[in-house]
C-alpha atoms as a PDB file:
ATOM      1  CA  UNK A   1      32.396   0.179  18.074  1.00  0.00           C
ATOM      2  CA  UNK A   2      32.226   3.929  17.426  1.00  0.00           C
ATOM      3  CA  UNK A   3      32.982   3.299  13.769  1.00  0.00           C
ATOM      4  CA  UNK A   4      30.140   0.789  13.455  1.00  0.00           C
ATOM      5  CA  UNK A   5      27.621   3.075  15.139  1.00  0.00           C
ATOM      6  CA  UNK A   6      28.709   5.996  12.972  1.00  0.00           C
ATOM      7  CA  UNK A   7      28.452   3.826   9.844  1.00  0.00           C
ATOM      8  CA  UNK A   8      24.950   2.661  10.794  1.00  0.00           C
ATOM      9  CA  UNK A   9      23.857   6.233  11.501  1.00  0.00           C
ATOM     10  CA  UNK A  10      25.128   7.311   8.082  1.00  0.00           C
ATOM     11  CA  UNK A  11      23.336   4.376   6.440  1.00  0.00           C
ATOM     12  CA  UNK A  12      20.078   5.251   8.156  1.00  0.00           C
ATOM     13  CA  UNK A  13      20.425   8.939   7.324  1.00  0.00           C
ATOM     14  CA  UNK A  14      21.084   8.141   3.679  1.00  0.00           C
ATOM     15  CA  UNK A  15      18.146   5.725   3.590  1.00  0.00           C
ATOM     16  CA  UNK A  16      15.929   8.393   5.182  1.00  0.00           C
ATOM     17  CA  UNK A  17      16.965  10.961   2.574  1.00  0.00           C
ATOM     18  CA  UNK A  18      16.493   8.491  -0.283  1.00  0.00           C
ATOM     19  CA  UNK A  19      13.277   7.025   1.164  1.00  0.00           C
ATOM     20  CA  UNK A  20      10.924   8.580  -1.409  1.00  0.00           C
ATOM     21  CA  UNK A  21      12.909   7.074  -4.268  1.00  0.00           C
ATOM     22  CA  UNK A  22      13.365   3.708  -2.542  1.00  0.00           C
ATOM     23  CA  UNK A  23       9.668   3.492  -1.641  1.00  0.00           C
ATOM     24  CA  UNK A  24       8.684   4.425  -5.204  1.00  0.00           C
ATOM     25  CA  UNK A  25      10.871   1.655  -6.630  1.00  0.00           C
ATOM     26  CA  UNK A  26       9.548  -0.939  -4.167  1.00  0.00           C
ATOM     27  CA  UNK A  27       5.946   0.046  -4.902  1.00  0.00           C
ATOM     28  CA  UNK A  28       6.627  -0.013  -8.646  1.00  0.00           C
ATOM     29  CA  UNK A  29       8.072  -3.522  -8.388  1.00  0.00           C
ATOM     30  CA  UNK A  30       5.192  -4.731  -6.212  1.00  0.00           C
ATOM     31  CA  UNK A  31       2.547  -3.118  -8.426  1.00  0.00           C
ATOM     32  CA  UNK A  32       3.997  -4.547 -11.608  1.00  0.00           C
ATOM     33  CA  UNK A  33       4.332  -7.949  -9.968  1.00  0.00           C
ATOM     34  CA  UNK A  34       0.726  -7.960  -8.788  1.00  0.00           C
ATOM     35  CA  UNK A  35      -0.423  -6.874 -12.234  1.00  0.00           C
ATOM     36  CA  UNK A  36       1.559  -9.676 -13.874  1.00  0.00           C
ATOM     37  CA  UNK A  37       0.242 -12.186 -11.343  1.00  0.00           C
ATOM     38  CA  UNK A  38      -3.336 -11.160 -12.035  1.00  0.00           C
ATOM     39  CA  UNK A  39      -2.813 -11.555 -15.778  1.00  0.00           C
ATOM     40  CA  UNK A  40      -1.223 -14.979 -15.248  1.00  0.00           C
ATOM     41  CA  UNK A  41      -3.933 -15.978 -12.710  1.00  0.00           C
ATOM     42  CA  UNK A  42      -1.402 -16.868  -9.999  1.00  0.00           C
ATOM     43  CA  UNK A  43      -2.175 -16.962  -6.307  1.00  0.00           C
ATOM     44  CA  UNK A  44      -1.148 -13.776  -4.495  1.00  0.00           C
ATOM     45  CA  UNK A  45       1.550 -15.579  -2.478  1.00  0.00           C
ATOM     46  CA  UNK A  46       3.007 -17.066  -5.658  1.00  0.00           C
ATOM     47  CA  UNK A  47       2.870 -13.634  -7.274  1.00  0.00           C
ATOM     48  CA  UNK A  48       4.772 -11.927  -4.446  1.00  0.00           C
ATOM     49  CA  UNK A  49       7.317 -14.749  -4.369  1.00  0.00           C
ATOM     50  CA  UNK A  50       7.846 -14.526  -8.135  1.00  0.00           C
ATOM     51  CA  UNK A  51       8.124 -10.736  -7.956  1.00  0.00           C
ATOM     52  CA  UNK A  52      10.784 -10.878  -5.226  1.00  0.00           C
ATOM     53  CA  UNK A  53      12.763 -13.567  -7.036  1.00  0.00           C
ATOM     54  CA  UNK A  54      12.568 -11.619 -10.295  1.00  0.00           C
ATOM     55  CA  UNK A  55      13.447  -8.232  -8.734  1.00  0.00           C
ATOM     56  CA  UNK A  56      16.508  -9.700  -7.047  1.00  0.00           C
ATOM     57  CA  UNK A  57      17.426 -11.318 -10.395  1.00  0.00           C
ATOM     58  CA  UNK A  58      17.673 -14.741  -8.763  1.00  0.00           C
ATOM     59  CA  UNK A  59      15.148 -16.240 -11.168  1.00  0.00           C
ATOM     60  CA  UNK A  60      14.610 -19.796  -9.961  1.00  0.00           C
ATOM     61  CA  UNK A  61      12.295 -20.566 -12.886  1.00  0.00           C
ATOM     62  CA  UNK A  62       9.763 -22.562 -10.876  1.00  0.00           C
ATOM     63  CA  UNK A  63       7.144 -19.902 -11.637  1.00  0.00           C
ATOM     64  CA  UNK A  64       7.446 -18.059 -14.909  1.00  0.00           C
ATOM     65  CA  UNK A  65       5.180 -15.929 -17.050  1.00  0.00           C
ATOM     66  CA  UNK A  66       3.744 -17.445 -20.199  1.00  0.00           C
ATOM     67  CA  UNK A  67       2.083 -14.420 -21.792  1.00  0.00           C
ATOM     68  CA  UNK A  68       4.134 -11.929 -23.838  1.00  0.00           C
ATOM     69  CA  UNK A  69       2.915  -8.911 -21.842  1.00  0.00           C
ATOM     70  CA  UNK A  70       3.863 -10.432 -18.493  1.00  0.00           C
ATOM     71  CA  UNK A  71       7.233 -11.479 -19.855  1.00  0.00           C
ATOM     72  CA  UNK A  72       7.851  -7.846 -20.742  1.00  0.00           C
ATOM     73  CA  UNK A  73       6.718  -6.842 -17.240  1.00  0.00           C
ATOM     74  CA  UNK A  74       9.201  -9.304 -15.769  1.00  0.00           C
ATOM     75  CA  UNK A  75      12.032  -7.579 -17.647  1.00  0.00           C
ATOM     76  CA  UNK A  76      10.956  -4.202 -16.248  1.00  0.00           C
ATOM     77  CA  UNK A  77      10.763  -5.706 -12.742  1.00  0.00           C
ATOM     78  CA  UNK A  78      14.265  -7.167 -13.084  1.00  0.00           C
ATOM     79  CA  UNK A  79      15.792  -3.872 -14.277  1.00  0.00           C
ATOM     80  CA  UNK A  80      13.989  -1.929 -11.554  1.00  0.00           C
ATOM     81  CA  UNK A  81      15.263  -4.436  -8.998  1.00  0.00           C
ATOM     82  CA  UNK A  82      18.802  -3.902 -10.278  1.00  0.00           C
ATOM     83  CA  UNK A  83      18.416  -0.143  -9.841  1.00  0.00           C
ATOM     84  CA  UNK A  84      17.033  -0.604  -6.322  1.00  0.00           C
ATOM     85  CA  UNK A  85      19.828  -2.999  -5.335  1.00  0.00           C
ATOM     86  CA  UNK A  86      22.427  -0.703  -6.833  1.00  0.00           C
ATOM     87  CA  UNK A  87      21.118   2.260  -4.867  1.00  0.00           C
ATOM     88  CA  UNK A  88      21.194   0.330  -1.592  1.00  0.00           C
ATOM     89  CA  UNK A  89      24.758  -0.853  -2.241  1.00  0.00           C
ATOM     90  CA  UNK A  90      25.853   2.649  -3.283  1.00  0.00           C
ATOM     91  CA  UNK A  91      24.392   4.128  -0.101  1.00  0.00           C
ATOM     92  CA  UNK A  92      26.223   1.559   2.037  1.00  0.00           C
ATOM     93  CA  UNK A  93      29.525   2.113   0.211  1.00  0.00           C
ATOM     94  CA  UNK A  94      29.160   5.875   0.582  1.00  0.00           C
ATOM     95  CA  UNK A  95      28.434   5.534   4.305  1.00  0.00           C
ATOM     96  CA  UNK A  96      31.445   3.256   4.738  1.00  0.00           C
ATOM     97  CA  UNK A  97      33.689   5.703   2.896  1.00  0.00           C
ATOM     98  CA  UNK A  98      32.541   8.596   5.066  1.00  0.00           C
ATOM     99  CA  UNK A  99      32.930   6.518   8.225  1.00  0.00           C
ATOM    100  CA  UNK A 100      36.453   5.478   7.255  1.00  0.00           C
ATOM    101  CA  UNK A 101      37.326   9.073   6.460  1.00  0.00           C
ATOM    102  CA  UNK A 102      36.065  10.141   9.882  1.00  0.00           C
ATOM    103  CA  UNK A 103      37.689   7.385  11.955  1.00  0.00           C
ATOM    104  CA  UNK A 104      40.741   6.156  10.093  1.00  0.00           C
ATOM    105  CA  UNK A 105      43.598   8.615  10.273  1.00  0.00           C
ATOM    106  CA  UNK A 106      46.775   8.095   8.304  1.00  0.00           C
ATOM    107  CA  UNK A 107      48.584   7.088  11.505  1.00  0.00           C
ATOM    108  CA  UNK A 108      45.983   4.375  12.217  1.00  0.00           C
ATOM    109  CA  UNK A 109      46.279   3.019   8.693  1.00  0.00           C
ATOM    110  CA  UNK A 110      50.076   2.869   8.979  1.00  0.00           C
ATOM    111  CA  UNK A 111      49.740   0.997  12.293  1.00  0.00           C
ATOM    112  CA  UNK A 112      47.406  -1.552  10.707  1.00  0.00           C
ATOM    113  CA  UNK A 113      49.724  -2.036   7.739  1.00  0.00           C
ATOM    114  CA  UNK A 114      52.570  -2.993  10.099  1.00  0.00           C
ATOM    115  CA  UNK A 115      50.565  -6.046  11.168  1.00  0.00           C
ATOM    116  CA  UNK A 116      49.861  -7.137   7.605  1.00  0.00           C
ATOM    117  CA  UNK A 117      53.494  -7.330   6.515  1.00  0.00           C
END
């Protein structure tokens, strides 16, 4: 349980330190999505749904841009979403690595390996 709490604290600290960048990316994605939705004349709920689906690169295809400019915007949203997702994953991996370094001694690892074999 100590490991989990330490890991979560490291995740939150990292998120706090990276908050300006994370917030900028989220606002950029939302702003571009709302701009594309306005150009395509979509409802706001459809626009936010499409933006989230595009930023996470899921891309269901039920709503898609038809104008060349909004298609270009969708590419920018997708790449920005990849950067945002990559940062979140990198922060979690870093926190896990630091937590393992703090809590897993060589003796503990050797004890765990005995149970695997």
